Amino acid sequence: NGGTNVEEGYTWTQSKEEVEITVPLPYGASKSSVKAVFHTGSLRLAFDEQEGPALDGRLGGQCDVDGCTWSIDGGSVVVTLEKAGEVSWGSLFV
């Protein structure tokens, strides 16, 4: 379960335990330009090279902040959110 938001430029998938979001890395961006802020019920992802956040909003479920990470994979940033409970999210953001 998951989806693609073409307008916002990301894809996401989920399992019982986690949500994975893939966001294209802006041209010229490096690891040091990625700014990710995790909260139990919200996520903000921004890049120094881009005006405004790439992702910013209230999540469709709760996450365990200590289990949230991000990494660069090729030309994308992959954000992994550990779910607070084994509940299916109806959408990434509400």
C-alpha atoms as a PDB file:
ATOM      1  CA  ASN A   1       0.000   0.000   0.000  1.00  0.00           C
ATOM      2  CA  GLY A   2       1.266   3.492  -0.773  1.00  0.00           C
ATOM      3  CA  GLY A   3       1.137   5.810  -3.688  1.00  0.00           C
ATOM      4  CA  THR A   4       2.648   8.427  -5.924  1.00  0.00           C
ATOM      5  CA  ASN A   5       2.068  12.154  -5.712  1.00  0.00           C
ATOM      6  CA  VAL A   6       3.201  13.423  -9.106  1.00  0.00           C
ATOM      7  CA  GLU A   7       2.409  17.053  -8.239  1.00  0.00           C
ATOM      8  CA  GLU A   8       4.572  16.932  -5.121  1.00  0.00           C
ATOM      9  CA  GLY A   9       7.166  14.654  -6.736  1.00  0.00           C
ATOM     10  CA  TYR A  10       7.356  11.761  -4.281  1.00  0.00           C
ATOM     11  CA  THR A  11       6.382   8.124  -3.960  1.00  0.00           C
ATOM     12  CA  TRP A  12       5.665   6.174  -0.788  1.00  0.00           C
ATOM     13  CA  THR A  13       5.116   2.600   0.302  1.00  0.00           C
ATOM     14  CA  GLN A  14       4.277   1.017   3.631  1.00  0.00           C
ATOM     15  CA  SER A  15       4.609  -2.253   5.465  1.00  0.00           C
ATOM     16  CA  LYS A  16       3.174  -3.153   8.873  1.00  0.00           C
ATOM     17  CA  GLU A  17       6.215  -1.639  10.594  1.00  0.00           C
ATOM     18  CA  GLU A  18       7.333   1.304   8.458  1.00  0.00           C
ATOM     19  CA  VAL A  19       6.665   3.864   5.756  1.00  0.00           C
ATOM     20  CA  GLU A  20       9.236   4.585   3.052  1.00  0.00           C
ATOM     21  CA  ILE A  21       9.147   7.828   1.051  1.00  0.00           C
ATOM     22  CA  THR A  22      11.308   8.508  -2.009  1.00  0.00           C
ATOM     23  CA  VAL A  23      11.927  12.110  -3.059  1.00  0.00           C
ATOM     24  CA  PRO A  24      14.101  13.205  -6.013  1.00  0.00           C
ATOM     25  CA  LEU A  25      17.299  14.967  -4.962  1.00  0.00           C
ATOM     26  CA  PRO A  26      17.484  18.490  -6.441  1.00  0.00           C
ATOM     27  CA  TYR A  27      20.274  19.175  -8.932  1.00  0.00           C
ATOM     28  CA  GLY A  28      23.513  19.960  -7.112  1.00  0.00           C
ATOM     29  CA  ALA A  29      22.245  18.800  -3.714  1.00  0.00           C
ATOM     30  CA  SER A  30      24.521  16.869  -1.388  1.00  0.00           C
ATOM     31  CA  LYS A  31      24.027  15.022   1.898  1.00  0.00           C
ATOM     32  CA  SER A  32      24.868  18.175   3.860  1.00  0.00           C
ATOM     33  CA  SER A  33      22.060  20.120   2.166  1.00  0.00           C
ATOM     34  CA  VAL A  34      19.312  17.706   3.311  1.00  0.00           C
ATOM     35  CA  LYS A  35      17.309  18.918   6.313  1.00  0.00           C
ATOM     36  CA  ALA A  36      14.901  16.369   7.808  1.00  0.00           C
ATOM     37  CA  VAL A  37      12.792  17.023  10.918  1.00  0.00           C
ATOM     38  CA  PHE A  38      10.799  14.135  12.379  1.00  0.00           C
ATOM     39  CA  HIS A  39       7.955  14.482  14.880  1.00  0.00           C
ATOM     40  CA  THR A  40       5.494  11.849  16.091  1.00  0.00           C
ATOM     41  CA  GLY A  41       2.754  13.156  13.808  1.00  0.00           C
ATOM     42  CA  SER A  42       4.557  15.273  11.197  1.00  0.00           C
ATOM     43  CA  LEU A  43       7.475  15.378   8.794  1.00  0.00           C
ATOM     44  CA  ARG A  44       9.453  18.181   7.167  1.00  0.00           C
ATOM     45  CA  LEU A  45      12.084  17.565   4.473  1.00  0.00           C
ATOM     46  CA  ALA A  46      13.923  20.437   2.824  1.00  0.00           C
ATOM     47  CA  PHE A  47      16.999  21.006   0.667  1.00  0.00           C
ATOM     48  CA  ASP A  48      19.313  24.034   0.720  1.00  0.00           C
ATOM     49  CA  GLU A  49      19.085  24.178  -3.097  1.00  0.00           C
ATOM     50  CA  GLN A  50      15.291  24.389  -3.175  1.00  0.00           C
ATOM     51  CA  GLU A  51      12.998  27.181  -2.036  1.00  0.00           C
ATOM     52  CA  GLY A  52      10.438  25.827   0.408  1.00  0.00           C
ATOM     53  CA  PRO A  53      10.231  22.298   1.776  1.00  0.00           C
ATOM     54  CA  ALA A  54      10.017  19.214  -0.428  1.00  0.00           C
ATOM     55  CA  LEU A  55       7.691  17.606   2.140  1.00  0.00           C
ATOM     56  CA  ASP A  56       5.936  19.270   5.047  1.00  0.00           C
ATOM     57  CA  GLY A  57       2.792  18.165   6.797  1.00  0.00           C
ATOM     58  CA  ARG A  58       0.819  16.168   9.285  1.00  0.00           C
ATOM     59  CA  LEU A  59       1.285  12.446   8.743  1.00  0.00           C
ATOM     60  CA  GLY A  60      -1.510   9.953   8.101  1.00  0.00           C
ATOM     61  CA  GLY A  61      -0.398   8.040  11.210  1.00  0.00           C
ATOM     62  CA  GLN A  62       1.971   8.194  14.158  1.00  0.00           C
ATOM     63  CA  CYS A  63       5.666   7.358  13.958  1.00  0.00           C
ATOM     64  CA  ASP A  64       8.417   6.523  16.441  1.00  0.00           C
ATOM     65  CA  VAL A  65      10.864   9.408  15.984  1.00  0.00           C
ATOM     66  CA  ASP A  66      13.820   7.353  17.251  1.00  0.00           C
ATOM     67  CA  GLY A  67      13.268   4.876  14.412  1.00  0.00           C
ATOM     68  CA  CYS A  68      13.090   7.462  11.607  1.00  0.00           C
ATOM     69  CA  THR A  69      16.014   7.880   9.214  1.00  0.00           C
ATOM     70  CA  TRP A  70      16.907   9.140   5.766  1.00  0.00           C
ATOM     71  CA  SER A  71      19.575   8.240   3.231  1.00  0.00           C
ATOM     72  CA  ILE A  72      20.635   9.121  -0.288  1.00  0.00           C
ATOM     73  CA  ASP A  73      20.141   6.388  -2.861  1.00  0.00           C
ATOM     74  CA  GLY A  74      21.299   7.378  -6.322  1.00  0.00           C
ATOM     75  CA  GLY A  75      19.444  10.558  -7.248  1.00  0.00           C
ATOM     76  CA  SER A  76      16.866  10.316  -4.475  1.00  0.00           C
ATOM     77  CA  VAL A  77      16.452  10.808  -0.762  1.00  0.00           C
ATOM     78  CA  VAL A  78      14.797   7.825   0.908  1.00  0.00           C
ATOM     79  CA  VAL A  79      13.011   8.633   4.180  1.00  0.00           C
ATOM     80  CA  THR A  80      12.075   5.731   6.456  1.00  0.00           C
ATOM     81  CA  LEU A  81       9.486   6.297   9.182  1.00  0.00           C
ATOM     82  CA  GLU A  82       9.072   3.620  11.835  1.00  0.00           C
ATOM     83  CA  LYS A  83       5.368   3.339  12.648  1.00  0.00           C
ATOM     84  CA  ALA A  84       4.301   3.757  16.284  1.00  0.00           C
ATOM     85  CA  GLY A  85       1.914   0.825  15.795  1.00  0.00           C
ATOM     86  CA  GLU A  86       1.166  -1.788  13.156  1.00  0.00           C
ATOM     87  CA  VAL A  87      -1.626   0.234  11.577  1.00  0.00           C
ATOM     88  CA  SER A  88      -2.167   0.815   7.866  1.00  0.00           C
ATOM     89  CA  TRP A  89      -2.069   4.498   6.905  1.00  0.00           C
ATOM     90  CA  GLY A  90      -4.800   5.606   4.495  1.00  0.00           C
ATOM     91  CA  SER A  91      -2.545   8.364   3.134  1.00  0.00           C
ATOM     92  CA  LEU A  92       0.913   9.751   3.748  1.00  0.00           C
ATOM     93  CA  PHE A  93      -0.345  13.192   4.738  1.00  0.00           C
ATOM     94  CA  VAL A  94      -3.732  14.364   6.022  1.00  0.00           C
END
